[in-house]
Amino acid sequence: MRALIFISILMAGLTAQAKIECKATVTEFLADGSKRYEEKALTTDLENDVNIILSADLDGRSFVLSGNKPDNTYFLSITWGEGYRQGTLATAAFSPAGRMQVSMVDNSLIYKVECFNNR
């Protein structure tokens, strides 16, 4: 009976943990009125009970989520260039709806990293 209770508690804890998923997108509005759209899921570089790092490269840019899961404090970045020294970095937290994003506009290009905390 104790084993059954322990397994039930363990399974409840595992299902309560959030699954964080992010995607990188680029949208380009072309001169002829059409648009180019690309999307790529960020993959896990590191994840444990406390820390997470997800990343992807798309259209010459690096998209990264890193942060502390228990504190709900994260960095979202879109960077490029030699040593990834150009770009944007934002401090963010998941909204009550479980979403956060950062976008960067460069003339006719829109780069975005969008994350969801699926509980």
C-alpha atoms as a PDB file:
ATOM      1  CA  MET A   1       0.000   0.000   0.000  1.00  0.00           C
ATOM      2  CA  ARG A   2       2.827   2.429   0.840  1.00  0.00           C
ATOM      3  CA  ALA A   3       4.438   1.673  -2.501  1.00  0.00           C
ATOM      4  CA  LEU A   4       1.195   2.500  -4.302  1.00  0.00           C
ATOM      5  CA  ILE A   5       0.891   5.824  -2.459  1.00  0.00           C
ATOM      6  CA  PHE A   6       4.546   6.679  -3.199  1.00  0.00           C
ATOM      7  CA  ILE A   7       4.125   5.875  -6.903  1.00  0.00           C
ATOM      8  CA  SER A   8       0.934   7.962  -7.052  1.00  0.00           C
ATOM      9  CA  ILE A   9       2.680  10.941  -5.462  1.00  0.00           C
ATOM     10  CA  LEU A  10       5.673  10.534  -7.777  1.00  0.00           C
ATOM     11  CA  MET A  11       3.474  10.376 -10.881  1.00  0.00           C
ATOM     12  CA  ALA A  12       1.496  13.426  -9.760  1.00  0.00           C
ATOM     13  CA  GLY A  13       4.747  15.352  -9.348  1.00  0.00           C
ATOM     14  CA  LEU A  14       5.953  14.342 -12.788  1.00  0.00           C
ATOM     15  CA  THR A  15       2.721  15.305 -14.487  1.00  0.00           C
ATOM     16  CA  ALA A  16       2.646  18.647 -12.629  1.00  0.00           C
ATOM     17  CA  GLN A  17       6.016  19.648 -14.038  1.00  0.00           C
ATOM     18  CA  ALA A  18       5.698  22.054 -16.922  1.00  0.00           C
ATOM     19  CA  LYS A  19       6.814  21.205 -20.410  1.00  0.00           C
ATOM     20  CA  ILE A  20       8.428  24.295 -21.898  1.00  0.00           C
ATOM     21  CA  GLU A  21       8.379  24.451 -25.693  1.00  0.00           C
ATOM     22  CA  CYS A  22       9.688  27.261 -27.888  1.00  0.00           C
ATOM     23  CA  LYS A  23       9.817  28.026 -31.574  1.00  0.00           C
ATOM     24  CA  ALA A  24      11.834  30.463 -33.648  1.00  0.00           C
ATOM     25  CA  THR A  25      10.203  32.142 -36.621  1.00  0.00           C
ATOM     26  CA  VAL A  26      11.227  34.500 -39.367  1.00  0.00           C
ATOM     27  CA  THR A  27       8.754  36.331 -41.576  1.00  0.00           C
ATOM     28  CA  GLU A  28       9.937  38.385 -44.537  1.00  0.00           C
ATOM     29  CA  PHE A  29       7.596  40.645 -46.475  1.00  0.00           C
ATOM     30  CA  LEU A  30       8.754  40.645 -50.103  1.00  0.00           C
ATOM     31  CA  ALA A  31       8.492  43.491 -52.619  1.00  0.00           C
ATOM     32  CA  ASP A  32       5.909  41.615 -54.710  1.00  0.00           C
ATOM     33  CA  GLY A  33       3.500  41.519 -51.738  1.00  0.00           C
ATOM     34  CA  SER A  34       4.153  37.890 -50.836  1.00  0.00           C
ATOM     35  CA  LYS A  35       5.869  36.731 -47.702  1.00  0.00           C
ATOM     36  CA  ARG A  36       8.433  34.123 -46.719  1.00  0.00           C
ATOM     37  CA  TYR A  37       7.873  32.281 -43.447  1.00  0.00           C
ATOM     38  CA  GLU A  38      10.160  29.804 -41.690  1.00  0.00           C
ATOM     39  CA  GLU A  39       9.737  28.117 -38.314  1.00  0.00           C
ATOM     40  CA  LYS A  40      11.993  25.894 -36.218  1.00  0.00           C
ATOM     41  CA  ALA A  41      11.524  24.329 -32.787  1.00  0.00           C
ATOM     42  CA  LEU A  42      14.150  25.133 -30.165  1.00  0.00           C
ATOM     43  CA  THR A  43      15.876  21.989 -28.901  1.00  0.00           C
ATOM     44  CA  THR A  44      17.102  21.203 -25.405  1.00  0.00           C
ATOM     45  CA  ASP A  45      20.746  21.996 -24.628  1.00  0.00           C
ATOM     46  CA  LEU A  46      20.287  21.611 -20.857  1.00  0.00           C
ATOM     47  CA  GLU A  47      17.337  20.837 -18.629  1.00  0.00           C
ATOM     48  CA  ASN A  48      16.989  19.753 -15.031  1.00  0.00           C
ATOM     49  CA  ASP A  49      14.580  20.575 -12.192  1.00  0.00           C
ATOM     50  CA  VAL A  50      15.968  24.117 -11.901  1.00  0.00           C
ATOM     51  CA  ASN A  51      17.612  25.287 -15.136  1.00  0.00           C
ATOM     52  CA  ILE A  52      16.721  25.132 -18.796  1.00  0.00           C
ATOM     53  CA  ILE A  53      18.473  26.158 -22.009  1.00  0.00           C
ATOM     54  CA  LEU A  54      16.777  25.720 -25.389  1.00  0.00           C
ATOM     55  CA  SER A  55      18.225  26.935 -28.696  1.00  0.00           C
ATOM     56  CA  ALA A  56      17.916  26.900 -32.470  1.00  0.00           C
ATOM     57  CA  ASP A  57      19.596  28.549 -35.434  1.00  0.00           C
ATOM     58  CA  LEU A  58      17.410  29.937 -38.202  1.00  0.00           C
ATOM     59  CA  ASP A  59      18.113  32.351 -41.053  1.00  0.00           C
ATOM     60  CA  GLY A  60      21.573  33.239 -39.717  1.00  0.00           C
ATOM     61  CA  ARG A  61      20.264  34.030 -36.242  1.00  0.00           C
ATOM     62  CA  SER A  62      20.566  32.184 -32.942  1.00  0.00           C
ATOM     63  CA  PHE A  63      17.410  31.952 -30.812  1.00  0.00           C
ATOM     64  CA  VAL A  64      17.876  31.025 -27.129  1.00  0.00           C
ATOM     65  CA  LEU A  65      15.743  30.586 -24.028  1.00  0.00           C
ATOM     66  CA  SER A  66      17.637  30.198 -20.747  1.00  0.00           C
ATOM     67  CA  GLY A  67      16.410  30.475 -17.229  1.00  0.00           C
ATOM     68  CA  ASN A  68      15.384  29.327 -13.799  1.00  0.00           C
ATOM     69  CA  LYS A  69      12.171  27.290 -13.834  1.00  0.00           C
ATOM     70  CA  PRO A  70      11.181  27.535 -10.129  1.00  0.00           C
ATOM     71  CA  ASP A  71      11.578  31.336 -10.149  1.00  0.00           C
ATOM     72  CA  ASN A  72       9.896  31.759 -13.577  1.00  0.00           C
ATOM     73  CA  THR A  73      12.753  34.045 -14.657  1.00  0.00           C
ATOM     74  CA  TYR A  74      14.119  33.663 -18.173  1.00  0.00           C
ATOM     75  CA  PHE A  75      16.244  35.318 -20.826  1.00  0.00           C
ATOM     76  CA  LEU A  76      15.108  35.260 -24.443  1.00  0.00           C
ATOM     77  CA  SER A  77      17.642  36.246 -27.073  1.00  0.00           C
ATOM     78  CA  ILE A  78      17.922  36.636 -30.822  1.00  0.00           C
ATOM     79  CA  THR A  79      21.550  37.179 -31.822  1.00  0.00           C
ATOM     80  CA  TRP A  80      23.793  37.011 -34.864  1.00  0.00           C
ATOM     81  CA  GLY A  81      27.204  37.922 -36.224  1.00  0.00           C
ATOM     82  CA  GLU A  82      30.708  37.015 -35.184  1.00  0.00           C
ATOM     83  CA  GLY A  83      30.578  35.804 -31.602  1.00  0.00           C
ATOM     84  CA  TYR A  84      26.823  36.495 -31.562  1.00  0.00           C
ATOM     85  CA  ARG A  85      27.522  40.039 -30.371  1.00  0.00           C
ATOM     86  CA  GLN A  86      24.607  41.696 -32.171  1.00  0.00           C
ATOM     87  CA  GLY A  87      20.962  41.248 -31.356  1.00  0.00           C
ATOM     88  CA  THR A  88      18.366  41.582 -28.672  1.00  0.00           C
ATOM     89  CA  LEU A  89      18.058  40.151 -25.166  1.00  0.00           C
ATOM     90  CA  ALA A  90      14.979  40.319 -22.955  1.00  0.00           C
ATOM     91  CA  THR A  91      14.246  39.271 -19.402  1.00  0.00           C
ATOM     92  CA  ALA A  92      10.855  37.589 -19.310  1.00  0.00           C
ATOM     93  CA  ALA A  93       8.441  35.439 -17.337  1.00  0.00           C
ATOM     94  CA  PHE A  94       5.590  33.261 -18.488  1.00  0.00           C
ATOM     95  CA  SER A  95       2.222  35.002 -18.457  1.00  0.00           C
ATOM     96  CA  PRO A  96      -0.652  33.440 -16.508  1.00  0.00           C
ATOM     97  CA  ALA A  97      -1.698  31.926 -19.853  1.00  0.00           C
ATOM     98  CA  GLY A  98       1.725  30.241 -20.085  1.00  0.00           C
ATOM     99  CA  ARG A  99       3.207  32.285 -22.953  1.00  0.00           C
ATOM    100  CA  MET A 100       6.138  34.636 -23.527  1.00  0.00           C
ATOM    101  CA  GLN A 101       7.870  36.020 -26.601  1.00  0.00           C
ATOM    102  CA  VAL A 102      10.399  38.503 -27.891  1.00  0.00           C
ATOM    103  CA  SER A 103      10.417  39.908 -31.412  1.00  0.00           C
ATOM    104  CA  MET A 104      12.909  41.873 -33.446  1.00  0.00           C
ATOM    105  CA  VAL A 105      12.072  43.865 -36.583  1.00  0.00           C
ATOM    106  CA  ASP A 106      14.709  44.601 -39.232  1.00  0.00           C
ATOM    107  CA  ASN A 107      13.117  46.435 -42.173  1.00  0.00           C
ATOM    108  CA  SER A 108      10.987  43.798 -43.945  1.00  0.00           C
ATOM    109  CA  LEU A 109      12.085  40.969 -41.607  1.00  0.00           C
ATOM    110  CA  ILE A 110      10.460  39.956 -38.330  1.00  0.00           C
ATOM    111  CA  TYR A 111      12.322  37.523 -36.084  1.00  0.00           C
ATOM    112  CA  LYS A 112      10.477  36.026 -33.129  1.00  0.00           C
ATOM    113  CA  VAL A 113      11.079  33.477 -30.388  1.00  0.00           C
ATOM    114  CA  GLU A 114       7.853  32.349 -28.731  1.00  0.00           C
ATOM    115  CA  CYS A 115       7.594  29.968 -25.765  1.00  0.00           C
ATOM    116  CA  PHE A 116       4.773  28.087 -24.094  1.00  0.00           C
ATOM    117  CA  ASN A 117       4.690  26.568 -20.626  1.00  0.00           C
ATOM    118  CA  ASN A 118       2.329  23.635 -21.118  1.00  0.00           C
ATOM    119  CA  ARG A 119       1.165  22.393 -17.750  1.00  0.00           C
END
